Amino acid sequence: MTVGLILQFLSFLAGPPPVGDLEEQIRRFTSVYAVVEREAADPVPPEKAIYEGAIVGMLRRLDPHSVFLNKEQFEQLKELQQSKTKGFGSVVSVIPGRVVVLQTLPGTPSEKAGLSPGDEIVAINGVRVATLDMEQLVMLLNQSRQSQARLEVRKPGNSRVFQFVLTPAEMESPSVDRAFLLKPGIGYIRATSFDLQTGAQVRAGIEKLGGARLQGLLLDLRNNPGGALPAALEVASLFLKPGQVLLSVRGRAVGGSEERVPATVVPYTFPLAVLVNGKSASAAEIVAGCLQDHDRAVIVGEPTFGKGLVENVFPLSEGTGLVLTTAFYYTPSGRSIQRPLHEGGQLDTVTGSLEPASSREYRTDSGRKVKGGGGIEPDIVVFPPALSRLQLALEASGSFTSFATQYIREHGPISEDFEVPPAALDEFQAYLAERRIAPALGEWSNVREWVRNRLRTEIFNQAFGVEKGDEVELRRDPQVLAALQAIQ
């Protein structure tokens, strides 16, 4: 059984080698394994030796992205491709030592159990939240969504700790999670990944906002790690002319091929800006790159991650799988998205005699110069502003979230045209002082408007849901503001 699995891997990685060579490789492996199994001081489980040893070691010599997936990991990958996940249906604010509920989604286990915005989760399955750092908290939250979880919760204004038992449910997890008008005629859509439904969701978002009548659109691909290539091509095709090249694929065992916009497409023609950052990768970079090469969109933000690899998923025996890099993606102008990998790796020479992408000059349809060889360089580079020491301290303290809970309880209900009044800022200062956070007058003056916006965001998060809170936050985002200016 395990020898058969190794044979599958060798055939994937090496292509069809001479039969004699392959048989000799297998004989060597089985000879070594037989000695280990017979003579090792401790027993060696076959699954551990093969799945966690031989296969992992073989793939490590290829590139960082080719990986073996055990049965559980392969099932998780298939779930992600279907845009479904298990969870409780709550959105929470997480800082070291604290987890506060911001929103519970209708009909989900969280809402049915009675969780509400402002509730603080103090323990999960008997583990006290206050004792955990951020990494431990995220791990605990992820683990708790896999099976029934016991929560200890403190309600706002109540010192009593309530007990909740929640059973996770399978829920749709749309990749397009935000679609609203930033201002009359100008839409904003955020895609957090690319899955089988992303293209349809982007189109539905555009139509919801006005369709072809829109005067402009911001497509936010920041923090989008990529996903399904067909979805990326479908999204890019929404804005390009029929027949235009979307990308090309080249690799050692893959002949050169091109993907083009389908002849039946009727594209949107309004001005377009695409937002990217250092966590925009793979399929997100393909969309940004082809729209940039065809001068169809202005790219705004930070240089992208630089992952332009063709990764195929091969199902294997026993419910396992293999994610294997088989080729490179190239934008319409011919530039590689992939940043250089480790020296000497197979991917450095997979394209044969082609010179490094970074040493060549590339041009868009209109003749503009663009860089290649490592991610997408934005047309307008805008980095997020660095936070001051006071701003970092306020964020880390969780004061915005907890004060918002108290403010809504004491001053609610909140209307959607709510603005934070000066009296609320004074209350917040007093609230901070009670917690031994007392900035100097000059420090406070420098961050006063930032504090006002952060408070408004957190109040909207709990009063109307995180989508409304995001709208408040995005309207002062410097990258969003730069993109708005570019398309008007």
Protein backbone atom coordinates (compact mmCIF):
# COMPACT_ATOMS: atom_id res chain seq x y z
CA MET A 1 0.00 0.00 0.00
CA THR A 2 2.69 2.52 0.97
CA VAL A 3 5.02 1.43 -1.84
CA GLY A 4 2.17 2.07 -4.29
CA LEU A 5 1.79 5.58 -2.93
CA ILE A 6 5.51 6.24 -3.41
CA LEU A 7 5.24 4.99 -6.99
CA GLN A 8 2.45 7.50 -7.60
CA PHE A 9 4.63 10.32 -6.30
CA LEU A 10 7.68 9.36 -8.33
CA SER A 11 5.59 9.23 -11.49
CA PHE A 12 4.12 12.69 -10.77
CA LEU A 13 7.49 14.28 -10.01
CA ALA A 14 9.72 12.66 -12.58
CA GLY A 15 7.39 12.04 -15.49
CA PRO A 16 7.68 8.68 -17.20
CA PRO A 17 11.27 7.57 -16.35
CA PRO A 18 12.93 4.48 -17.80
CA VAL A 19 11.42 1.42 -16.13
CA GLY A 20 14.78 0.17 -14.92
CA ASP A 21 15.63 3.47 -13.20
CA LEU A 22 12.27 3.60 -11.43
CA GLU A 23 12.56 0.01 -10.24
CA GLU A 24 16.05 0.71 -8.88
CA GLN A 25 14.79 3.78 -6.97
CA ILE A 26 11.98 1.75 -5.43
CA ARG A 27 14.38 -1.06 -4.47
CA ARG A 28 16.64 1.43 -2.69
CA PHE A 29 13.74 2.95 -0.80
CA THR A 30 12.26 -0.36 0.28
CA SER A 31 15.68 -1.63 1.36
CA VAL A 32 16.24 1.38 3.60
CA TYR A 33 12.71 1.17 4.97
CA ALA A 34 13.10 -2.55 5.73
CA VAL A 35 16.25 -1.89 7.77
CA VAL A 36 14.54 0.94 9.69
CA GLU A 37 11.49 -1.18 10.40
CA ARG A 38 13.62 -4.14 11.56
CA GLU A 39 16.45 -2.43 13.48
CA ALA A 40 15.20 0.96 14.81
CA ALA A 41 15.28 1.30 18.63
CA ASP A 42 11.60 2.23 18.70
CA PRO A 43 8.85 0.89 16.45
CA VAL A 44 8.26 3.05 13.35
CA PRO A 45 4.58 3.29 12.29
CA PRO A 46 4.40 3.00 8.47
CA GLU A 47 2.05 6.00 8.18
CA LYS A 48 4.47 8.19 10.14
CA ALA A 49 7.49 7.04 8.16
CA ILE A 50 5.80 7.56 4.80
CA TYR A 51 3.37 10.46 5.29
CA GLU A 52 5.46 12.53 7.72
CA GLY A 53 8.93 11.48 6.61
CA ALA A 54 9.70 10.20 3.12
CA ILE A 55 7.04 12.15 1.23
CA VAL A 56 7.58 15.41 3.13
CA GLY A 57 11.36 15.16 2.59
CA MET A 58 10.92 14.52 -1.13
CA LEU A 59 8.62 17.50 -1.63
CA ARG A 60 10.77 19.84 0.46
CA ARG A 61 13.48 19.69 -2.22
CA LEU A 62 11.09 21.02 -4.86
CA ASP A 63 9.60 24.31 -3.64
CA PRO A 64 7.78 25.75 -0.59
CA HIS A 65 4.32 25.29 -2.11
CA SER A 66 4.24 21.59 -3.08
CA VAL A 67 2.74 19.70 -0.15
CA PHE A 68 1.27 16.33 0.75
CA LEU A 69 -2.20 16.41 2.33
CA ASN A 70 -3.32 13.71 4.73
CA LYS A 71 -6.99 12.64 4.68
CA GLU A 72 -8.14 15.37 7.10
CA GLN A 73 -6.20 18.12 5.31
CA PHE A 74 -7.50 16.99 1.91
CA GLU A 75 -11.09 17.13 3.20
CA GLN A 76 -10.48 20.66 4.54
CA LEU A 77 -9.16 21.75 1.13
CA LYS A 78 -12.29 20.43 -0.59
CA GLU A 79 -14.47 22.29 1.94
CA LEU A 80 -12.62 25.54 1.25
CA GLN A 81 -13.13 25.11 -2.50
CA GLN A 82 -16.87 24.77 -1.88
CA SER A 83 -17.03 28.01 0.16
CA LYS A 84 -18.35 26.16 3.18
CA THR A 85 -17.00 26.09 6.70
CA LYS A 86 -18.03 24.97 10.17
CA GLY A 87 -18.64 27.57 12.82
CA PHE A 88 -21.00 29.25 15.26
CA GLY A 89 -21.95 32.30 13.16
CA SER A 90 -20.44 35.00 15.37
CA VAL A 91 -17.97 37.77 14.59
CA VAL A 92 -15.62 38.52 17.46
CA SER A 93 -12.96 41.06 18.40
CA VAL A 94 -9.79 39.23 19.46
CA ILE A 95 -6.91 40.77 21.41
CA PRO A 96 -4.52 39.00 23.78
CA GLY A 97 -6.56 37.85 26.79
CA ARG A 98 -9.96 39.03 25.50
CA VAL A 99 -12.66 37.87 23.09
CA VAL A 100 -15.71 40.14 22.64
CA VAL A 101 -18.71 39.35 20.42
CA LEU A 102 -19.34 42.05 17.80
CA GLN A 103 -22.14 40.39 15.82
CA THR A 104 -24.19 37.19 15.68
CA LEU A 105 -25.52 36.19 12.28
CA PRO A 106 -29.25 35.38 11.93
CA GLY A 107 -30.23 31.74 12.33
CA THR A 108 -26.77 30.59 13.43
CA PRO A 109 -25.84 28.61 16.58
CA SER A 110 -24.58 31.80 18.27
CA GLU A 111 -27.85 33.67 17.80
CA LYS A 112 -29.98 30.67 18.76
CA ALA A 113 -27.96 30.17 21.96
CA GLY A 114 -28.50 33.81 23.00
CA LEU A 115 -25.11 35.40 22.39
CA SER A 116 -25.31 39.16 21.72
CA PRO A 117 -22.99 42.00 20.65
CA GLY A 118 -20.89 43.15 23.60
CA ASP A 119 -20.82 39.75 25.31
CA GLU A 120 -17.33 38.81 26.52
CA ILE A 121 -16.24 35.18 26.22
CA VAL A 122 -14.13 34.50 29.31
CA ALA A 123 -13.51 30.75 28.84
CA ILE A 124 -13.77 28.16 26.06
CA ASN A 125 -13.97 24.48 26.95
CA GLY A 126 -12.62 25.28 30.41
CA VAL A 127 -9.62 27.27 29.12
CA ARG A 128 -9.49 30.82 30.54
CA VAL A 129 -9.16 33.36 27.73
CA ALA A 130 -7.30 35.88 29.93
CA THR A 131 -4.27 33.55 30.18
CA LEU A 132 -3.69 33.25 26.40
CA ASP A 133 -1.63 35.26 23.93
CA MET A 134 -2.91 36.03 20.42
CA GLU A 135 -1.54 32.90 18.73
CA GLN A 136 -2.96 30.65 21.46
CA LEU A 137 -6.33 32.41 21.27
CA VAL A 138 -6.62 32.00 17.52
CA MET A 139 -5.70 28.33 17.82
CA LEU A 140 -8.28 27.78 20.57
CA LEU A 141 -11.02 29.53 18.56
CA ASN A 142 -10.22 27.44 15.46
CA GLN A 143 -10.26 24.21 17.45
CA SER A 144 -13.54 25.07 19.17
CA ARG A 145 -15.34 25.31 15.82
CA GLN A 146 -14.66 21.65 15.03
CA SER A 147 -16.98 20.16 17.67
CA GLN A 148 -19.40 21.10 20.44
CA ALA A 149 -17.97 23.91 22.60
CA ARG A 150 -18.70 25.08 26.16
CA LEU A 151 -18.49 28.86 26.56
CA GLU A 152 -18.44 30.94 29.71
CA VAL A 153 -19.78 34.41 28.89
CA ARG A 154 -20.13 37.67 30.79
CA LYS A 155 -22.98 39.91 29.65
CA PRO A 156 -22.55 43.74 29.63
CA GLY A 157 -23.46 45.28 32.99
CA ASN A 158 -23.80 41.87 34.64
CA SER A 159 -21.11 40.34 36.82
CA ARG A 160 -22.63 36.86 36.53
CA VAL A 161 -20.96 34.36 34.19
CA PHE A 162 -23.40 32.52 31.91
CA GLN A 163 -22.83 29.03 30.48
CA PHE A 164 -23.48 28.31 26.79
CA VAL A 165 -23.10 25.08 24.83
CA LEU A 166 -22.81 25.61 21.06
CA THR A 167 -22.72 22.98 18.32
CA PRO A 168 -20.99 24.14 15.09
CA ALA A 169 -22.99 24.13 11.89
CA GLU A 170 -21.94 24.10 8.25
CA MET A 171 -22.38 27.57 6.80
CA GLU A 172 -21.82 29.29 3.51
CA SER A 173 -18.71 31.45 3.55
CA PRO A 174 -18.98 33.85 0.58
CA SER A 175 -15.69 35.08 -0.81
CA VAL A 176 -17.27 38.45 -1.70
CA ASP A 177 -18.24 39.77 1.72
CA ARG A 178 -18.61 43.53 1.13
CA ALA A 179 -20.48 45.45 -1.56
CA PHE A 180 -21.69 49.00 -0.96
CA LEU A 181 -21.55 52.55 -2.36
CA LEU A 182 -18.65 54.61 -1.03
CA LYS A 183 -20.35 57.68 -2.48
CA PRO A 184 -23.11 58.20 -5.07
CA GLY A 185 -22.18 56.27 -8.20
CA ILE A 186 -18.91 54.83 -6.83
CA GLY A 187 -19.04 51.21 -5.67
CA TYR A 188 -16.80 49.17 -3.41
CA ILE A 189 -16.49 45.36 -3.54
CA ARG A 190 -14.18 43.19 -1.45
CA ALA A 191 -13.19 39.65 -2.43
CA THR A 192 -11.37 37.80 0.35
CA SER A 193 -10.47 34.75 -1.80
CA PHE A 194 -11.27 33.10 -5.12
CA ASP A 195 -13.56 30.08 -5.13
CA LEU A 196 -16.02 28.60 -7.58
CA GLN A 197 -18.68 31.24 -6.83
CA THR A 198 -16.49 34.37 -6.72
CA GLY A 199 -17.11 35.48 -10.31
CA ALA A 200 -20.88 35.25 -9.90
CA GLN A 201 -20.68 37.02 -6.53
CA VAL A 202 -18.64 39.92 -7.95
CA ARG A 203 -21.12 40.32 -10.80
CA ALA A 204 -24.06 40.18 -8.37
CA GLY A 205 -22.38 42.81 -6.19
CA ILE A 206 -21.89 45.12 -9.18
CA GLU A 207 -25.51 44.72 -10.27
CA LYS A 208 -26.70 45.40 -6.72
CA LEU A 209 -24.80 48.69 -6.74
CA GLY A 210 -26.02 49.88 -10.13
CA GLY A 211 -24.46 47.65 -12.78
CA ALA A 212 -23.25 49.37 -15.93
CA ARG A 213 -24.63 52.69 -14.61
CA LEU A 214 -21.90 52.90 -11.98
CA GLN A 215 -19.48 55.78 -12.39
CA GLY A 216 -16.60 53.79 -10.93
CA LEU A 217 -15.68 50.75 -8.83
CA LEU A 218 -13.05 49.88 -6.24
CA LEU A 219 -12.25 46.14 -6.24
CA ASP A 220 -10.47 45.33 -2.97
CA LEU A 221 -8.10 42.35 -3.21
CA ARG A 222 -6.04 43.23 -0.15
CA ASN A 223 -5.25 40.20 2.04
CA ASN A 224 -6.69 37.94 -0.68
CA PRO A 225 -4.44 34.84 -0.78
CA GLY A 226 -5.82 33.58 -4.10
CA GLY A 227 -7.67 30.35 -4.78
CA ALA A 228 -9.31 28.89 -7.88
CA LEU A 229 -7.80 30.10 -11.17
CA PRO A 230 -11.09 29.85 -13.17
CA ALA A 231 -12.69 32.26 -10.68
CA ALA A 232 -9.86 34.77 -11.15
CA LEU A 233 -10.20 34.58 -14.94
CA GLU A 234 -13.97 35.02 -14.66
CA VAL A 235 -13.56 38.13 -12.49
CA ALA A 236 -10.96 39.70 -14.82
CA SER A 237 -13.20 38.94 -17.83
CA LEU A 238 -15.93 41.12 -16.34
CA PHE A 239 -13.85 44.18 -17.25
CA LEU A 240 -11.93 43.23 -20.42
CA LYS A 241 -12.80 42.98 -24.10
CA PRO A 242 -13.59 39.62 -25.73
CA GLY A 243 -10.44 37.93 -27.03
CA GLN A 244 -7.96 39.81 -24.84
CA VAL A 245 -5.27 37.64 -23.24
CA LEU A 246 -5.77 36.95 -19.53
CA LEU A 247 -2.58 34.99 -18.86
CA SER A 248 -0.22 32.39 -20.27
CA VAL A 249 1.13 29.22 -18.67
CA ARG A 250 4.62 27.74 -19.18
CA GLY A 251 6.48 24.94 -17.44
CA ARG A 252 8.83 22.00 -17.92
CA ALA A 253 6.04 19.51 -18.62
CA VAL A 254 3.44 22.06 -19.73
CA GLY A 255 3.46 23.49 -23.23
CA GLY A 256 2.85 27.22 -23.61
CA SER A 257 -0.86 28.00 -23.48
CA GLU A 258 -2.98 31.13 -23.23
CA GLU A 259 -6.28 31.95 -21.61
CA ARG A 260 -8.41 34.63 -23.29
CA VAL A 261 -11.59 36.52 -22.47
CA PRO A 262 -14.57 34.53 -23.86
CA ALA A 263 -16.07 35.89 -27.07
CA THR A 264 -19.53 36.12 -25.50
CA VAL A 265 -18.55 38.48 -22.67
CA VAL A 266 -20.14 41.94 -22.45
CA PRO A 267 -17.71 43.80 -20.13
CA TYR A 268 -18.35 46.63 -17.71
CA THR A 269 -16.63 49.80 -18.94
CA PHE A 270 -16.76 52.15 -15.92
CA PRO A 271 -13.45 53.33 -14.36
CA LEU A 272 -11.87 50.69 -12.14
CA ALA A 273 -9.31 50.67 -9.31
CA VAL A 274 -7.89 47.50 -7.74
CA LEU A 275 -6.55 47.61 -4.17
CA VAL A 276 -3.67 45.24 -3.29
CA ASN A 277 -1.10 44.73 -0.55
CA GLY A 278 1.66 42.34 0.49
CA LYS A 279 -0.87 39.61 1.31
CA SER A 280 -2.51 39.72 -2.13
CA ALA A 281 -1.25 36.55 -3.80
CA SER A 282 -1.69 34.05 -6.61
CA ALA A 283 -5.15 34.43 -8.23
CA ALA A 284 -5.46 37.96 -6.79
CA GLU A 285 -2.17 38.89 -8.50
CA ILE A 286 -3.35 37.36 -11.77
CA VAL A 287 -6.43 39.62 -11.75
CA ALA A 288 -4.42 42.73 -10.85
CA GLY A 289 -1.66 41.91 -13.36
CA CYS A 290 -3.86 41.38 -16.41
CA LEU A 291 -6.00 44.44 -15.67
CA GLN A 292 -2.81 46.50 -15.29
CA ASP A 293 -1.23 45.14 -18.50
CA HIS A 294 -4.34 46.03 -20.50
CA ASP A 295 -4.52 49.51 -18.88
CA ARG A 296 -8.02 48.63 -17.70
CA ALA A 297 -7.55 49.43 -14.01
CA VAL A 298 -5.33 51.56 -11.83
CA ILE A 299 -3.62 49.39 -9.21
CA VAL A 300 -3.36 51.05 -5.78
CA GLY A 301 -1.68 50.01 -2.54
CA GLU A 302 1.46 48.00 -1.80
CA PRO A 303 3.53 45.51 -3.85
CA THR A 304 1.89 42.10 -3.85
CA PHE A 305 3.24 38.82 -2.47
CA GLY A 306 4.68 37.31 -5.65
CA LYS A 307 3.17 33.83 -6.05
CA GLY A 308 2.65 32.95 -9.68
CA LEU A 309 2.79 29.17 -9.64
CA VAL A 310 0.46 26.67 -11.29
CA GLU A 311 -0.54 24.24 -8.54
CA ASN A 312 -2.47 21.11 -9.42
CA VAL A 313 -4.22 18.95 -6.85
CA PHE A 314 -3.82 15.20 -7.38
CA PRO A 315 -6.12 12.86 -5.41
CA LEU A 316 -4.18 9.86 -4.07
CA SER A 317 -5.12 6.60 -2.39
CA GLU A 318 -6.58 6.38 1.12
CA GLY A 319 -8.28 9.78 0.81
CA THR A 320 -4.99 11.72 0.67
CA GLY A 321 -3.89 14.31 -1.87
CA LEU A 322 -0.92 16.12 -3.38
CA VAL A 323 -0.63 19.82 -4.18
CA LEU A 324 2.15 20.04 -6.78
CA THR A 325 3.69 23.01 -8.62
CA THR A 326 3.70 22.21 -12.34
CA ALA A 327 4.30 25.53 -14.15
CA PHE A 328 4.45 29.36 -13.96
CA TYR A 329 1.78 31.97 -14.71
CA TYR A 330 2.67 34.97 -16.90
CA THR A 331 0.67 38.18 -17.32
CA PRO A 332 -0.39 39.33 -20.82
CA SER A 333 2.78 41.43 -21.18
CA GLY A 334 4.88 38.31 -20.50
CA ARG A 335 6.07 39.04 -16.95
CA SER A 336 6.25 36.38 -14.27
CA ILE A 337 4.41 37.07 -11.02
CA GLN A 338 6.57 34.61 -9.07
CA ARG A 339 9.24 36.12 -6.83
CA PRO A 340 12.62 34.32 -6.89
CA LEU A 341 12.74 31.12 -4.88
CA HIS A 342 15.70 29.55 -3.10
CA GLU A 343 18.85 29.23 -5.17
CA GLY A 344 19.31 25.82 -6.72
CA GLY A 345 15.64 24.79 -6.43
CA GLN A 346 14.05 23.07 -9.40
CA LEU A 347 11.78 26.03 -10.00
CA ASP A 348 14.78 28.23 -10.81
CA THR A 349 15.37 26.28 -14.01
CA VAL A 350 11.93 24.90 -14.80
CA THR A 351 11.47 27.32 -17.73
CA GLY A 352 14.72 26.30 -19.40
CA SER A 353 16.73 29.09 -21.05
CA LEU A 354 14.40 31.97 -20.25
CA GLU A 355 16.28 34.87 -18.65
CA PRO A 356 15.16 36.07 -15.17
CA ALA A 357 11.92 38.04 -15.41
CA SER A 358 13.34 40.86 -13.27
CA SER A 359 16.02 41.62 -15.91
CA ARG A 360 13.52 42.31 -18.69
CA GLU A 361 11.40 45.34 -19.53
CA TYR A 362 7.65 44.93 -19.89
CA ARG A 363 5.05 47.29 -21.29
CA THR A 364 1.29 47.60 -21.03
CA ASP A 365 -1.00 47.94 -24.04
CA SER A 366 -0.46 51.71 -24.03
CA GLY A 367 3.32 51.39 -23.72
CA ARG A 368 3.69 52.10 -19.99
CA LYS A 369 6.64 50.35 -18.34
CA VAL A 370 5.80 47.76 -15.67
CA LYS A 371 8.06 45.64 -13.48
CA GLY A 372 8.20 41.85 -13.45
CA GLY A 373 9.88 39.08 -11.53
CA GLY A 374 8.19 39.30 -8.18
CA GLY A 375 4.59 40.33 -7.56
CA ILE A 376 2.64 43.26 -8.95
CA GLU A 377 3.97 46.78 -8.43
CA PRO A 378 1.02 49.19 -7.95
CA ASP A 379 0.59 52.18 -10.26
CA ILE A 380 0.00 54.26 -7.12
CA VAL A 381 1.96 53.08 -4.09
CA VAL A 382 0.28 53.91 -0.77
CA PHE A 383 1.38 52.37 2.53
CA PRO A 384 -0.85 52.39 5.63
CA PRO A 385 0.16 55.10 8.12
CA ALA A 386 2.29 53.91 11.03
CA LEU A 387 0.48 54.00 14.38
CA SER A 388 1.91 56.05 17.22
CA ARG A 389 2.80 54.50 20.56
CA LEU A 390 -0.48 55.79 22.04
CA GLN A 391 -2.54 54.39 19.15
CA LEU A 392 -0.88 50.98 19.51
CA ALA A 393 -1.53 51.01 23.26
CA LEU A 394 -5.21 51.90 22.78
CA GLU A 395 -5.68 49.14 20.20
CA ALA A 396 -3.95 46.56 22.39
CA SER A 397 -6.03 47.51 25.44
CA GLY A 398 -9.37 46.61 23.84
CA SER A 399 -10.77 49.89 25.16
CA PHE A 400 -12.61 50.84 21.97
CA THR A 401 -14.68 47.65 21.95
CA SER A 402 -15.50 47.62 25.66
CA PHE A 403 -16.33 51.35 25.74
CA ALA A 404 -18.61 50.93 22.69
CA THR A 405 -20.53 48.24 24.56
CA GLN A 406 -20.97 50.52 27.56
CA TYR A 407 -21.87 53.55 25.41
CA ILE A 408 -24.63 51.70 23.52
CA ARG A 409 -26.06 50.39 26.78
CA GLU A 410 -26.15 53.86 28.34
CA HIS A 411 -26.99 56.03 25.30
CA GLY A 412 -28.70 53.72 22.79
CA PRO A 413 -30.44 53.22 20.47
CA ILE A 414 -27.94 54.38 17.81
CA SER A 415 -29.05 55.68 14.41
CA GLU A 416 -27.11 55.12 11.16
CA ASP A 417 -26.30 58.85 10.91
CA PHE A 418 -24.67 58.78 14.35
CA GLU A 419 -21.51 60.85 14.80
CA VAL A 420 -19.39 60.67 17.95
CA PRO A 421 -20.12 63.90 19.91
CA PRO A 422 -17.45 65.78 21.91
CA ALA A 423 -19.10 64.60 25.14
CA ALA A 424 -18.46 60.96 24.12
CA LEU A 425 -14.76 61.71 23.65
CA ASP A 426 -14.68 63.20 27.15
CA GLU A 427 -16.40 60.07 28.49
CA PHE A 428 -13.82 57.92 26.72
CA GLN A 429 -10.97 59.91 28.25
CA ALA A 430 -12.45 59.34 31.70
CA TYR A 431 -12.95 55.65 30.86
CA LEU A 432 -9.26 55.39 29.92
CA ALA A 433 -8.15 57.21 33.07
CA GLU A 434 -10.01 54.64 35.19
CA ARG A 435 -7.85 52.01 33.49
CA ARG A 436 -4.65 53.97 34.06
CA ILE A 437 -4.32 55.15 30.48
CA ALA A 438 -3.73 58.90 30.71
CA PRO A 439 -2.09 60.37 27.58
CA ALA A 440 -0.55 63.83 27.67
CA LEU A 441 -2.62 66.69 26.22
CA GLY A 442 -0.42 66.91 23.12
CA GLU A 443 -0.63 63.16 22.47
CA TRP A 444 -4.41 63.20 22.83
CA SER A 445 -4.78 66.18 20.49
CA ASN A 446 -2.75 64.41 17.80
CA VAL A 447 -4.99 61.33 17.79
CA ARG A 448 -8.33 62.90 18.65
CA GLU A 449 -9.87 62.53 15.17
CA TRP A 450 -8.48 59.03 14.83
CA VAL A 451 -10.05 58.12 18.19
CA ARG A 452 -13.38 59.60 17.06
CA ASN A 453 -13.38 57.39 13.96
CA ARG A 454 -12.32 54.27 15.85
CA LEU A 455 -15.11 54.78 18.38
CA ARG A 456 -17.66 55.26 15.61
CA THR A 457 -16.42 52.06 13.93
CA GLU A 458 -16.74 49.98 17.11
CA ILE A 459 -20.15 51.43 17.97
CA PHE A 460 -21.40 50.59 14.46
CA ASN A 461 -19.88 47.09 14.70
CA GLN A 462 -22.05 46.31 17.69
CA ALA A 463 -25.13 48.37 16.80
CA PHE A 464 -25.50 47.37 13.12
CA GLY A 465 -22.94 44.61 12.41
CA VAL A 466 -19.35 44.57 11.22
CA GLU A 467 -20.28 45.39 7.61
CA LYS A 468 -21.44 48.86 8.71
CA GLY A 469 -18.36 49.19 10.90
CA ASP A 470 -16.16 48.36 7.92
CA GLU A 471 -17.86 51.09 5.88
CA VAL A 472 -16.93 53.66 8.54
CA GLU A 473 -13.34 52.42 8.63
CA LEU A 474 -12.93 52.29 4.83
CA ARG A 475 -14.11 55.86 4.32
CA ARG A 476 -10.95 57.10 6.06
CA ASP A 477 -8.59 54.42 4.68
CA PRO A 478 -5.71 56.23 2.84
CA GLN A 479 -5.46 53.51 0.19
CA VAL A 480 -9.21 53.72 -0.50
CA LEU A 481 -9.03 57.51 -0.65
CA ALA A 482 -6.14 57.34 -3.14
CA ALA A 483 -8.08 54.87 -5.31
CA LEU A 484 -11.16 57.10 -5.24
CA GLN A 485 -9.13 60.08 -6.37
CA ALA A 486 -7.54 58.05 -9.20
CA ILE A 487 -10.83 57.06 -10.87
CA GLN A 488 -12.77 60.33 -10.48
